[in-house]
C-alpha cells in the first residue's frame, strides 16, 4: 500500500517538475511548490474522526448503505416529507440493507394543506396561516443533504446546532468544493463529501458535448482535466472530506482502493437497475445512491 505521506511527496514533486518545465527556473519551482505546501498546511481542514464517519456511512457494520436520491424521487414526489416516509417503509421491508435518503437542491417540500417550501430548512407540519414549520425529529436521521448554494452552509450550521443528533447521522455533499469548504468553515465537526463527474464541464451525462463551438469545447475539456486533478489531489485534502461521490461509470476496484488509502470512502451514483445494485453491493461492497428502491428506472447522470 502507498502511504498518504508518500502520496503528498509525489504531489509536491509533480508540481515542482511541472513548474520547472514551464518556467525553467528552479527558484520559481521551489517558491510555488513551497507556497502550495504552506497553503494546504494553513487552510486545510482535518478529516472528521473515522469512528464518526463510519456511524454515518456504515451505521450497520458490514452492510452496504443505500441512499434514496432526492428521497427516492422515482417512487414518490422528490424532496418531500412523503418521499422520506416512503423510504422509511421500504427500509423496514428490505431489512438486509441500510437505507438512507438524500435531499437535493435548496428546499424540502412539505405537501400538506397550505403547501410551503422553505429554503434550506427541514420541514414537517406546515400551516398556511403563519408559514411556519415544525421539524419532526424522527425525520432528521439518517440524512444526506445535497446543496449547491453557498448560502446553504450558514443555514445548515443553525440546523446542526439545533439538532445535535445530525452530527452522527448525516453528511453534507456538493458538486461545489466552495460549498463544502464553507461548510467546514462554519462548523468543522460536520461530516462532508465532494461530488464529481469527470468531463462534466465539457459534456453532458450521456457524452454529448455541451458546446457547439469547437474551441470552447476544447477549452472546457482542459478545464475538466484540471478540475479532475484538483479533486483527486488537492480539494479532498483542503476540505477534509470523508466520502467522495462519483458517477458510477468511473468506479472500479482500483479507484476504490485509491480513495481508501486516503481515508475517503467512495459512494457511487446513480445506480438504477437491479443488476447494477447487485454488483455494487455484492462485488464492490460500496455504498450507492439510487432513484428507486422498488424497480428499475432511467439512468441519472
C-alpha atoms as a PDB file:
ATOM      1  CA  UNK A   1       0.000   0.000   0.000  1.00  0.00           C
ATOM      2  CA  UNK A   2       1.067   3.560  -0.755  1.00  0.00           C
ATOM      3  CA  UNK A   3       1.245   5.681   2.355  1.00  0.00           C
ATOM      4  CA  UNK A   4      -0.541   9.059   2.396  1.00  0.00           C
ATOM      5  CA  UNK A   5       2.750  10.788   3.263  1.00  0.00           C
ATOM      6  CA  UNK A   6       4.321   9.260   0.136  1.00  0.00           C
ATOM      7  CA  UNK A   7       1.376  10.497  -1.918  1.00  0.00           C
ATOM      8  CA  UNK A   8       1.994  14.023  -0.601  1.00  0.00           C
ATOM      9  CA  UNK A   9       5.633  13.849  -1.637  1.00  0.00           C
ATOM     10  CA  UNK A  10       4.554  12.675  -5.086  1.00  0.00           C
ATOM     11  CA  UNK A  11       2.121  15.585  -5.396  1.00  0.00           C
ATOM     12  CA  UNK A  12       4.671  18.234  -4.496  1.00  0.00           C
ATOM     13  CA  UNK A  13       7.311  16.593  -6.687  1.00  0.00           C
ATOM     14  CA  UNK A  14       4.907  16.654  -9.633  1.00  0.00           C
ATOM     15  CA  UNK A  15       4.096  20.325  -9.060  1.00  0.00           C
ATOM     16  CA  UNK A  16       7.811  21.134  -8.808  1.00  0.00           C
ATOM     17  CA  UNK A  17       8.622  19.332 -12.080  1.00  0.00           C
ATOM     18  CA  UNK A  18       5.704  20.876 -13.985  1.00  0.00           C
ATOM     19  CA  UNK A  19       6.574  24.398 -12.861  1.00  0.00           C
ATOM     20  CA  UNK A  20      10.237  23.740 -13.640  1.00  0.00           C
ATOM     21  CA  UNK A  21       9.385  22.578 -17.161  1.00  0.00           C
ATOM     22  CA  UNK A  22       7.140  25.594 -17.676  1.00  0.00           C
ATOM     23  CA  UNK A  23       9.399  28.264 -16.205  1.00  0.00           C
ATOM     24  CA  UNK A  24      12.855  26.666 -16.407  1.00  0.00           C
ATOM     25  CA  UNK A  25      13.535  28.374 -13.093  1.00  0.00           C
ATOM     26  CA  UNK A  26      14.461  26.297 -10.020  1.00  0.00           C
ATOM     27  CA  UNK A  27      13.744  29.346  -7.861  1.00  0.00           C
ATOM     28  CA  UNK A  28      10.183  29.736  -9.127  1.00  0.00           C
ATOM     29  CA  UNK A  29       9.589  25.985  -8.924  1.00  0.00           C
ATOM     30  CA  UNK A  30      10.743  25.890  -5.311  1.00  0.00           C
ATOM     31  CA  UNK A  31       8.767  29.008  -4.385  1.00  0.00           C
ATOM     32  CA  UNK A  32       5.493  27.839  -5.924  1.00  0.00           C
ATOM     33  CA  UNK A  33       5.797  24.317  -4.501  1.00  0.00           C
ATOM     34  CA  UNK A  34       6.556  25.729  -1.047  1.00  0.00           C
ATOM     35  CA  UNK A  35       3.591  28.105  -1.386  1.00  0.00           C
ATOM     36  CA  UNK A  36       1.274  25.186  -2.189  1.00  0.00           C
ATOM     37  CA  UNK A  37       2.569  23.266   0.826  1.00  0.00           C
ATOM     38  CA  UNK A  38       2.089  26.252   3.153  1.00  0.00           C
ATOM     39  CA  UNK A  39      -1.369  26.971   1.732  1.00  0.00           C
ATOM     40  CA  UNK A  40      -2.588  23.434   2.420  1.00  0.00           C
ATOM     41  CA  UNK A  41      -0.921  23.362   5.831  1.00  0.00           C
ATOM     42  CA  UNK A  42      -2.576  26.622   6.898  1.00  0.00           C
ATOM     43  CA  UNK A  43      -6.029  26.390   5.349  1.00  0.00           C
ATOM     44  CA  UNK A  44      -6.907  22.691   5.082  1.00  0.00           C
ATOM     45  CA  UNK A  45      -9.437  21.092   7.396  1.00  0.00           C
ATOM     46  CA  UNK A  46      -8.661  17.721   9.004  1.00  0.00           C
ATOM     47  CA  UNK A  47     -10.995  14.844   8.274  1.00  0.00           C
ATOM     48  CA  UNK A  48     -13.674  14.061  10.817  1.00  0.00           C
ATOM     49  CA  UNK A  49     -12.718  11.115  13.037  1.00  0.00           C
ATOM     50  CA  UNK A  50     -13.103   7.777  11.257  1.00  0.00           C
ATOM     51  CA  UNK A  51     -15.305   6.419  14.045  1.00  0.00           C
ATOM     52  CA  UNK A  52     -17.817   9.205  13.485  1.00  0.00           C
ATOM     53  CA  UNK A  53     -17.666   8.858   9.717  1.00  0.00           C
ATOM     54  CA  UNK A  54     -18.443   5.156   9.984  1.00  0.00           C
ATOM     55  CA  UNK A  55     -21.510   5.883  12.105  1.00  0.00           C
ATOM     56  CA  UNK A  56     -22.937   7.827   9.184  1.00  0.00           C
ATOM     57  CA  UNK A  57     -21.599   5.834   6.229  1.00  0.00           C
ATOM     58  CA  UNK A  58     -21.998   2.374   7.792  1.00  0.00           C
ATOM     59  CA  UNK A  59     -24.260   2.525  10.846  1.00  0.00           C
ATOM     60  CA  UNK A  60     -24.919  -1.189  10.375  1.00  0.00           C
ATOM     61  CA  UNK A  61     -21.473  -2.779  10.406  1.00  0.00           C
ATOM     62  CA  UNK A  62     -20.804  -4.974   7.394  1.00  0.00           C
ATOM     63  CA  UNK A  63     -23.814  -3.754   5.408  1.00  0.00           C
ATOM     64  CA  UNK A  64     -23.903  -1.525   2.369  1.00  0.00           C
ATOM     65  CA  UNK A  65     -25.804   1.747   2.762  1.00  0.00           C
ATOM     66  CA  UNK A  66     -28.340   2.500   0.032  1.00  0.00           C
ATOM     67  CA  UNK A  67     -29.152   6.186  -0.355  1.00  0.00           C
ATOM     68  CA  UNK A  68     -32.503   7.229  -1.831  1.00  0.00           C
ATOM     69  CA  UNK A  69     -31.701  10.082  -4.228  1.00  0.00           C
ATOM     70  CA  UNK A  70     -33.978  13.083  -3.624  1.00  0.00           C
ATOM     71  CA  UNK A  71     -35.861  10.986  -1.127  1.00  0.00           C
ATOM     72  CA  UNK A  72     -36.416   8.275  -3.759  1.00  0.00           C
ATOM     73  CA  UNK A  73     -37.720  10.655  -6.401  1.00  0.00           C
ATOM     74  CA  UNK A  74     -38.840   7.866  -8.730  1.00  0.00           C
ATOM     75  CA  UNK A  75     -41.061   6.255  -6.078  1.00  0.00           C
ATOM     76  CA  UNK A  76     -42.614   9.399  -4.587  1.00  0.00           C
ATOM     77  CA  UNK A  77     -42.601  13.198  -5.124  1.00  0.00           C
ATOM     78  CA  UNK A  78     -38.924  14.154  -4.829  1.00  0.00           C
ATOM     79  CA  UNK A  79     -37.566  16.081  -1.840  1.00  0.00           C
ATOM     80  CA  UNK A  80     -40.802  15.726   0.114  1.00  0.00           C
ATOM     81  CA  UNK A  81     -41.763  14.500   3.550  1.00  0.00           C
ATOM     82  CA  UNK A  82     -43.949  11.927   1.776  1.00  0.00           C
ATOM     83  CA  UNK A  83     -40.885  10.572  -0.037  1.00  0.00           C
ATOM     84  CA  UNK A  84     -38.930  10.326   3.208  1.00  0.00           C
ATOM     85  CA  UNK A  85     -41.723   8.385   4.866  1.00  0.00           C
ATOM     86  CA  UNK A  86     -41.888   6.060   1.859  1.00  0.00           C
ATOM     87  CA  UNK A  87     -38.164   5.377   2.257  1.00  0.00           C
ATOM     88  CA  UNK A  88     -38.748   4.527   5.916  1.00  0.00           C
ATOM     89  CA  UNK A  89     -41.394   1.990   4.900  1.00  0.00           C
ATOM     90  CA  UNK A  90     -39.052   0.420   2.344  1.00  0.00           C
ATOM     91  CA  UNK A  91     -36.252   0.258   4.894  1.00  0.00           C
ATOM     92  CA  UNK A  92     -38.408  -1.940   7.078  1.00  0.00           C
ATOM     93  CA  UNK A  93     -39.277  -4.228   4.177  1.00  0.00           C
ATOM     94  CA  UNK A  94     -35.702  -4.572   2.885  1.00  0.00           C
ATOM     95  CA  UNK A  95     -34.004  -5.356   6.169  1.00  0.00           C
ATOM     96  CA  UNK A  96     -30.825  -6.702   4.570  1.00  0.00           C
ATOM     97  CA  UNK A  97     -29.736  -3.185   3.585  1.00  0.00           C
ATOM     98  CA  UNK A  98     -29.160   0.069   5.402  1.00  0.00           C
ATOM     99  CA  UNK A  99     -31.390   2.556   3.575  1.00  0.00           C
ATOM    100  CA  UNK A 100     -30.972   6.317   3.862  1.00  0.00           C
ATOM    101  CA  UNK A 101     -32.251   9.296   1.929  1.00  0.00           C
ATOM    102  CA  UNK A 102     -30.588  12.276   0.277  1.00  0.00           C
ATOM    103  CA  UNK A 103     -32.212  15.689  -0.046  1.00  0.00           C
ATOM    104  CA  UNK A 104     -31.210  17.755  -3.059  1.00  0.00           C
ATOM    105  CA  UNK A 105     -31.420  21.368  -4.134  1.00  0.00           C
ATOM    106  CA  UNK A 106     -32.370  24.150  -1.743  1.00  0.00           C
ATOM    107  CA  UNK A 107     -35.753  23.047  -0.478  1.00  0.00           C
ATOM    108  CA  UNK A 108     -37.568  20.217   1.173  1.00  0.00           C
ATOM    109  CA  UNK A 109     -41.206  20.440   0.167  1.00  0.00           C
ATOM    110  CA  UNK A 110     -43.955  19.715   2.655  1.00  0.00           C
ATOM    111  CA  UNK A 111     -47.093  18.593   0.736  1.00  0.00           C
ATOM    112  CA  UNK A 112     -49.664  19.446   3.413  1.00  0.00           C
ATOM    113  CA  UNK A 113     -52.589  21.840   3.476  1.00  0.00           C
ATOM    114  CA  UNK A 114     -51.274  25.290   2.534  1.00  0.00           C
ATOM    115  CA  UNK A 115     -48.208  23.684   0.996  1.00  0.00           C
ATOM    116  CA  UNK A 116     -44.970  25.576   1.585  1.00  0.00           C
ATOM    117  CA  UNK A 117     -41.317  25.351   0.651  1.00  0.00           C
ATOM    118  CA  UNK A 118     -38.569  26.588   2.926  1.00  0.00           C
ATOM    119  CA  UNK A 119     -35.061  27.275   1.703  1.00  0.00           C
ATOM    120  CA  UNK A 120     -32.545  25.016   3.387  1.00  0.00           C
ATOM    121  CA  UNK A 121     -34.918  24.095   6.200  1.00  0.00           C
ATOM    122  CA  UNK A 122     -36.084  20.674   7.318  1.00  0.00           C
ATOM    123  CA  UNK A 123     -39.813  20.992   7.175  1.00  0.00           C
ATOM    124  CA  UNK A 124     -42.544  18.936   8.729  1.00  0.00           C
ATOM    125  CA  UNK A 125     -46.035  20.143   9.564  1.00  0.00           C
ATOM    126  CA  UNK A 126     -46.706  23.382   7.668  1.00  0.00           C
ATOM    127  CA  UNK A 127     -49.534  25.841   8.149  1.00  0.00           C
ATOM    128  CA  UNK A 128     -50.608  28.361   5.574  1.00  0.00           C
ATOM    129  CA  UNK A 129     -51.505  30.922   8.217  1.00  0.00           C
ATOM    130  CA  UNK A 130     -48.067  31.742   9.593  1.00  0.00           C
ATOM    131  CA  UNK A 131     -45.859  29.845   7.098  1.00  0.00           C
ATOM    132  CA  UNK A 132     -44.115  28.106   9.998  1.00  0.00           C
ATOM    133  CA  UNK A 133     -42.665  24.620  10.092  1.00  0.00           C
ATOM    134  CA  UNK A 134     -42.185  22.239  12.968  1.00  0.00           C
ATOM    135  CA  UNK A 135     -39.298  19.906  12.344  1.00  0.00           C
ATOM    136  CA  UNK A 136     -40.151  16.348  13.456  1.00  0.00           C
ATOM    137  CA  UNK A 137     -37.056  14.738  14.914  1.00  0.00           C
ATOM    138  CA  UNK A 138     -37.998  11.319  13.573  1.00  0.00           C
ATOM    139  CA  UNK A 139     -37.318  12.608  10.037  1.00  0.00           C
ATOM    140  CA  UNK A 140     -33.875  14.018  10.752  1.00  0.00           C
ATOM    141  CA  UNK A 141     -31.827  10.847  10.554  1.00  0.00           C
ATOM    142  CA  UNK A 142     -30.308   9.160   8.681  1.00  0.00           C
ATOM    143  CA  UNK A 143     -29.849  12.079   6.294  1.00  0.00           C
ATOM    144  CA  UNK A 144     -27.585  13.047   3.402  1.00  0.00           C
ATOM    145  CA  UNK A 145     -28.011  16.693   2.416  1.00  0.00           C
ATOM    146  CA  UNK A 146     -27.022  17.848  -1.076  1.00  0.00           C
ATOM    147  CA  UNK A 147     -26.718  21.582  -1.741  1.00  0.00           C
ATOM    148  CA  UNK A 148     -25.322  23.800  -4.484  1.00  0.00           C
ATOM    149  CA  UNK A 149     -25.889  27.237  -2.948  1.00  0.00           C
ATOM    150  CA  UNK A 150     -23.051  28.751  -0.964  1.00  0.00           C
ATOM    151  CA  UNK A 151     -25.651  30.221   1.427  1.00  0.00           C
ATOM    152  CA  UNK A 152     -26.537  26.686   2.492  1.00  0.00           C
ATOM    153  CA  UNK A 153     -23.580  26.489   4.881  1.00  0.00           C
ATOM    154  CA  UNK A 154     -24.877  29.151   7.254  1.00  0.00           C
ATOM    155  CA  UNK A 155     -28.391  27.709   7.244  1.00  0.00           C
ATOM    156  CA  UNK A 156     -27.147  24.167   7.847  1.00  0.00           C
ATOM    157  CA  UNK A 157     -24.939  25.347  10.694  1.00  0.00           C
ATOM    158  CA  UNK A 158     -28.073  26.504  12.523  1.00  0.00           C
ATOM    159  CA  UNK A 159     -29.824  23.196  11.813  1.00  0.00           C
ATOM    160  CA  UNK A 160     -26.896  21.193  13.222  1.00  0.00           C
ATOM    161  CA  UNK A 161     -26.779  23.322  16.352  1.00  0.00           C
ATOM    162  CA  UNK A 162     -30.500  22.889  16.843  1.00  0.00           C
ATOM    163  CA  UNK A 163     -30.398  19.134  16.258  1.00  0.00           C
ATOM    164  CA  UNK A 164     -27.026  17.757  17.509  1.00  0.00           C
ATOM    165  CA  UNK A 165     -28.120  14.226  16.575  1.00  0.00           C
ATOM    166  CA  UNK A 166     -27.264  15.153  12.979  1.00  0.00           C
ATOM    167  CA  UNK A 167     -23.535  15.195  13.732  1.00  0.00           C
ATOM    168  CA  UNK A 168     -23.557  11.402  13.988  1.00  0.00           C
ATOM    169  CA  UNK A 169     -26.247  10.653  11.437  1.00  0.00           C
ATOM    170  CA  UNK A 170     -25.864  12.983   8.437  1.00  0.00           C
ATOM    171  CA  UNK A 171     -23.452  14.178   5.776  1.00  0.00           C
ATOM    172  CA  UNK A 172     -23.387  17.289   3.568  1.00  0.00           C
ATOM    173  CA  UNK A 173     -22.492  16.705  -0.108  1.00  0.00           C
ATOM    174  CA  UNK A 174     -21.999  19.074  -3.039  1.00  0.00           C
ATOM    175  CA  UNK A 175     -20.570  19.352  -6.541  1.00  0.00           C
ATOM    176  CA  UNK A 176     -19.226  22.743  -5.491  1.00  0.00           C
ATOM    177  CA  UNK A 177     -15.989  22.499  -3.464  1.00  0.00           C
ATOM    178  CA  UNK A 178     -16.549  26.035  -2.167  1.00  0.00           C
ATOM    179  CA  UNK A 179     -19.826  24.914  -0.555  1.00  0.00           C
ATOM    180  CA  UNK A 180     -18.065  22.079   1.263  1.00  0.00           C
ATOM    181  CA  UNK A 181     -15.180  24.319   2.317  1.00  0.00           C
ATOM    182  CA  UNK A 182     -17.615  26.953   3.619  1.00  0.00           C
ATOM    183  CA  UNK A 183     -19.500  24.241   5.492  1.00  0.00           C
ATOM    184  CA  UNK A 184     -16.307  23.101   7.227  1.00  0.00           C
ATOM    185  CA  UNK A 185     -15.521  26.761   7.995  1.00  0.00           C
ATOM    186  CA  UNK A 186     -18.934  27.228   9.556  1.00  0.00           C
ATOM    187  CA  UNK A 187     -18.755  24.005  11.549  1.00  0.00           C
ATOM    188  CA  UNK A 188     -15.645  21.756  11.311  1.00  0.00           C
ATOM    189  CA  UNK A 189     -17.486  18.927  13.059  1.00  0.00           C
ATOM    190  CA  UNK A 190     -19.906  18.363  10.179  1.00  0.00           C
ATOM    191  CA  UNK A 191     -19.232  15.309   8.005  1.00  0.00           C
ATOM    192  CA  UNK A 192     -18.831  16.262   4.323  1.00  0.00           C
ATOM    193  CA  UNK A 193     -18.351  14.753   0.870  1.00  0.00           C
ATOM    194  CA  UNK A 194     -17.391  16.048  -2.558  1.00  0.00           C
ATOM    195  CA  UNK A 195     -19.451  15.005  -5.579  1.00  0.00           C
ATOM    196  CA  UNK A 196     -17.882  14.673  -9.012  1.00  0.00           C
ATOM    197  CA  UNK A 197     -18.488  13.526 -12.555  1.00  0.00           C
ATOM    198  CA  UNK A 198     -15.429  13.609 -14.838  1.00  0.00           C
ATOM    199  CA  UNK A 199     -15.865  15.643 -18.042  1.00  0.00           C
ATOM    200  CA  UNK A 200     -18.913  17.393 -16.590  1.00  0.00           C
ATOM    201  CA  UNK A 201     -17.825  20.841 -17.813  1.00  0.00           C
ATOM    202  CA  UNK A 202     -17.425  19.844 -21.455  1.00  0.00           C
ATOM    203  CA  UNK A 203     -20.034  17.093 -21.900  1.00  0.00           C
ATOM    204  CA  UNK A 204     -23.496  16.094 -20.737  1.00  0.00           C
ATOM    205  CA  UNK A 205     -24.038  12.877 -18.815  1.00  0.00           C
ATOM    206  CA  UNK A 206     -24.579  10.832 -21.977  1.00  0.00           C
ATOM    207  CA  UNK A 207     -21.334  12.102 -23.514  1.00  0.00           C
ATOM    208  CA  UNK A 208     -22.888  14.747 -25.778  1.00  0.00           C
ATOM    209  CA  UNK A 209     -20.726  17.909 -25.993  1.00  0.00           C
ATOM    210  CA  UNK A 210     -22.178  20.855 -24.095  1.00  0.00           C
ATOM    211  CA  UNK A 211     -20.961  23.395 -26.626  1.00  0.00           C
ATOM    212  CA  UNK A 212     -21.206  23.514 -30.402  1.00  0.00           C
ATOM    213  CA  UNK A 213     -18.152  25.764 -30.619  1.00  0.00           C
ATOM    214  CA  UNK A 214     -15.063  23.623 -31.109  1.00  0.00           C
ATOM    215  CA  UNK A 215     -12.652  25.988 -29.353  1.00  0.00           C
ATOM    216  CA  UNK A 216     -14.960  26.311 -26.342  1.00  0.00           C
ATOM    217  CA  UNK A 217     -15.374  22.541 -26.157  1.00  0.00           C
ATOM    218  CA  UNK A 218     -11.581  22.020 -26.145  1.00  0.00           C
ATOM    219  CA  UNK A 219     -11.106  24.782 -23.585  1.00  0.00           C
ATOM    220  CA  UNK A 220     -13.689  23.230 -21.223  1.00  0.00           C
ATOM    221  CA  UNK A 221     -12.080  19.829 -21.796  1.00  0.00           C
ATOM    222  CA  UNK A 222      -8.831  21.281 -20.478  1.00  0.00           C
ATOM    223  CA  UNK A 223     -10.741  22.705 -17.516  1.00  0.00           C
ATOM    224  CA  UNK A 224     -12.216  19.243 -16.922  1.00  0.00           C
ATOM    225  CA  UNK A 225      -8.731  17.738 -16.753  1.00  0.00           C
ATOM    226  CA  UNK A 226      -7.638  20.411 -14.284  1.00  0.00           C
ATOM    227  CA  UNK A 227     -10.790  20.041 -12.173  1.00  0.00           C
ATOM    228  CA  UNK A 228     -10.459  16.257 -12.069  1.00  0.00           C
ATOM    229  CA  UNK A 229      -6.809  16.529 -10.999  1.00  0.00           C
ATOM    230  CA  UNK A 230      -7.739  19.049  -8.318  1.00  0.00           C
ATOM    231  CA  UNK A 231     -10.489  16.793  -6.931  1.00  0.00           C
ATOM    232  CA  UNK A 232      -8.179  13.818  -6.644  1.00  0.00           C
ATOM    233  CA  UNK A 233      -5.082  15.599  -5.333  1.00  0.00           C
ATOM    234  CA  UNK A 234      -5.967  18.908  -3.681  1.00  0.00           C
ATOM    235  CA  UNK A 235      -9.639  19.609  -2.980  1.00  0.00           C
ATOM    236  CA  UNK A 236     -10.340  16.470  -0.943  1.00  0.00           C
ATOM    237  CA  UNK A 237      -7.428  17.321   1.328  1.00  0.00           C
ATOM    238  CA  UNK A 238      -8.261  21.018   1.539  1.00  0.00           C
ATOM    239  CA  UNK A 239     -11.877  20.314   2.516  1.00  0.00           C
ATOM    240  CA  UNK A 240     -11.082  17.276   4.675  1.00  0.00           C
ATOM    241  CA  UNK A 241     -13.911  15.188   3.216  1.00  0.00           C
ATOM    242  CA  UNK A 242     -14.831  11.734   4.467  1.00  0.00           C
ATOM    243  CA  UNK A 243     -16.535  10.471   1.303  1.00  0.00           C
ATOM    244  CA  UNK A 244     -16.321  11.003  -2.443  1.00  0.00           C
ATOM    245  CA  UNK A 245     -19.487  10.682  -4.540  1.00  0.00           C
ATOM    246  CA  UNK A 246     -18.580   9.654  -8.085  1.00  0.00           C
ATOM    247  CA  UNK A 247     -20.642   8.847 -11.177  1.00  0.00           C
ATOM    248  CA  UNK A 248     -20.980   5.059 -11.436  1.00  0.00           C
ATOM    249  CA  UNK A 249     -19.208   4.660 -14.804  1.00  0.00           C
ATOM    250  CA  UNK A 250     -15.875   5.646 -13.282  1.00  0.00           C
ATOM    251  CA  UNK A 251     -15.897   3.260 -10.312  1.00  0.00           C
ATOM    252  CA  UNK A 252     -13.528   0.281 -10.159  1.00  0.00           C
ATOM    253  CA  UNK A 253     -11.676  -1.736  -7.538  1.00  0.00           C
ATOM    254  CA  UNK A 254      -8.539   0.310  -8.159  1.00  0.00           C
ATOM    255  CA  UNK A 255     -10.483   3.543  -7.806  1.00  0.00           C
ATOM    256  CA  UNK A 256     -11.970   2.417  -4.501  1.00  0.00           C
ATOM    257  CA  UNK A 257      -8.509   1.446  -3.283  1.00  0.00           C
ATOM    258  CA  UNK A 258      -7.101   4.823  -4.342  1.00  0.00           C
ATOM    259  CA  UNK A 259      -9.518   6.631  -2.050  1.00  0.00           C
ATOM    260  CA  UNK A 260      -9.281   4.056   0.737  1.00  0.00           C
ATOM    261  CA  UNK A 261      -5.572   4.848   1.023  1.00  0.00           C
ATOM    262  CA  UNK A 262      -6.593   8.431   1.745  1.00  0.00           C
ATOM    263  CA  UNK A 263      -9.205   7.557   4.342  1.00  0.00           C
ATOM    264  CA  UNK A 264     -12.042   8.510   1.990  1.00  0.00           C
ATOM    265  CA  UNK A 265     -14.966   6.243   1.131  1.00  0.00           C
ATOM    266  CA  UNK A 266     -16.356   6.008  -2.404  1.00  0.00           C
ATOM    267  CA  UNK A 267     -20.103   6.329  -2.958  1.00  0.00           C
ATOM    268  CA  UNK A 268     -21.430   5.613  -6.467  1.00  0.00           C
ATOM    269  CA  UNK A 269     -24.320   7.384  -8.201  1.00  0.00           C
ATOM    270  CA  UNK A 270     -26.866   6.818  -9.622  1.00  0.00           C
ATOM    271  CA  UNK A 271     -27.480   3.045  -9.544  1.00  0.00           C
ATOM    272  CA  UNK A 272     -30.912   2.396 -11.021  1.00  0.00           C
ATOM    273  CA  UNK A 273     -31.054  -1.228 -12.186  1.00  0.00           C
ATOM    274  CA  UNK A 274     -31.213  -4.453 -10.218  1.00  0.00           C
ATOM    275  CA  UNK A 275     -28.085  -5.871 -11.883  1.00  0.00           C
ATOM    276  CA  UNK A 276     -26.048  -2.765 -11.077  1.00  0.00           C
ATOM    277  CA  UNK A 277     -27.265  -2.734  -7.486  1.00  0.00           C
ATOM    278  CA  UNK A 278     -26.187  -6.348  -7.008  1.00  0.00           C
ATOM    279  CA  UNK A 279     -22.761  -5.564  -8.481  1.00  0.00           C
ATOM    280  CA  UNK A 280     -22.077  -2.544  -6.278  1.00  0.00           C
ATOM    281  CA  UNK A 281     -23.449  -4.276  -3.208  1.00  0.00           C
ATOM    282  CA  UNK A 282     -22.026  -7.781  -3.531  1.00  0.00           C
ATOM    283  CA  UNK A 283     -18.861  -7.303  -5.619  1.00  0.00           C
ATOM    284  CA  UNK A 284     -17.581  -3.801  -4.896  1.00  0.00           C
ATOM    285  CA  UNK A 285     -19.137  -3.597  -1.411  1.00  0.00           C
ATOM    286  CA  UNK A 286     -19.594   0.177  -1.508  1.00  0.00           C
ATOM    287  CA  UNK A 287     -22.480   2.498  -0.723  1.00  0.00           C
ATOM    288  CA  UNK A 288     -24.557   3.695  -3.655  1.00  0.00           C
ATOM    289  CA  UNK A 289     -27.270   6.216  -4.482  1.00  0.00           C
ATOM    290  CA  UNK A 290     -30.431   5.232  -6.345  1.00  0.00           C
ATOM    291  CA  UNK A 291     -33.565   6.939  -7.620  1.00  0.00           C
ATOM    292  CA  UNK A 292     -35.768   3.953  -6.821  1.00  0.00           C
ATOM    293  CA  UNK A 293     -35.916   1.305  -4.122  1.00  0.00           C
ATOM    294  CA  UNK A 294     -38.648  -0.739  -5.810  1.00  0.00           C
ATOM    295  CA  UNK A 295     -37.909  -1.043  -9.557  1.00  0.00           C
ATOM    296  CA  UNK A 296     -35.515  -0.275 -12.400  1.00  0.00           C
ATOM    297  CA  UNK A 297     -35.653   3.258 -13.818  1.00  0.00           C
ATOM    298  CA  UNK A 298     -33.889   5.510 -16.291  1.00  0.00           C
ATOM    299  CA  UNK A 299     -30.215   6.311 -15.638  1.00  0.00           C
ATOM    300  CA  UNK A 300     -29.382   9.617 -13.983  1.00  0.00           C
ATOM    301  CA  UNK A 301     -26.180  11.478 -14.779  1.00  0.00           C
END
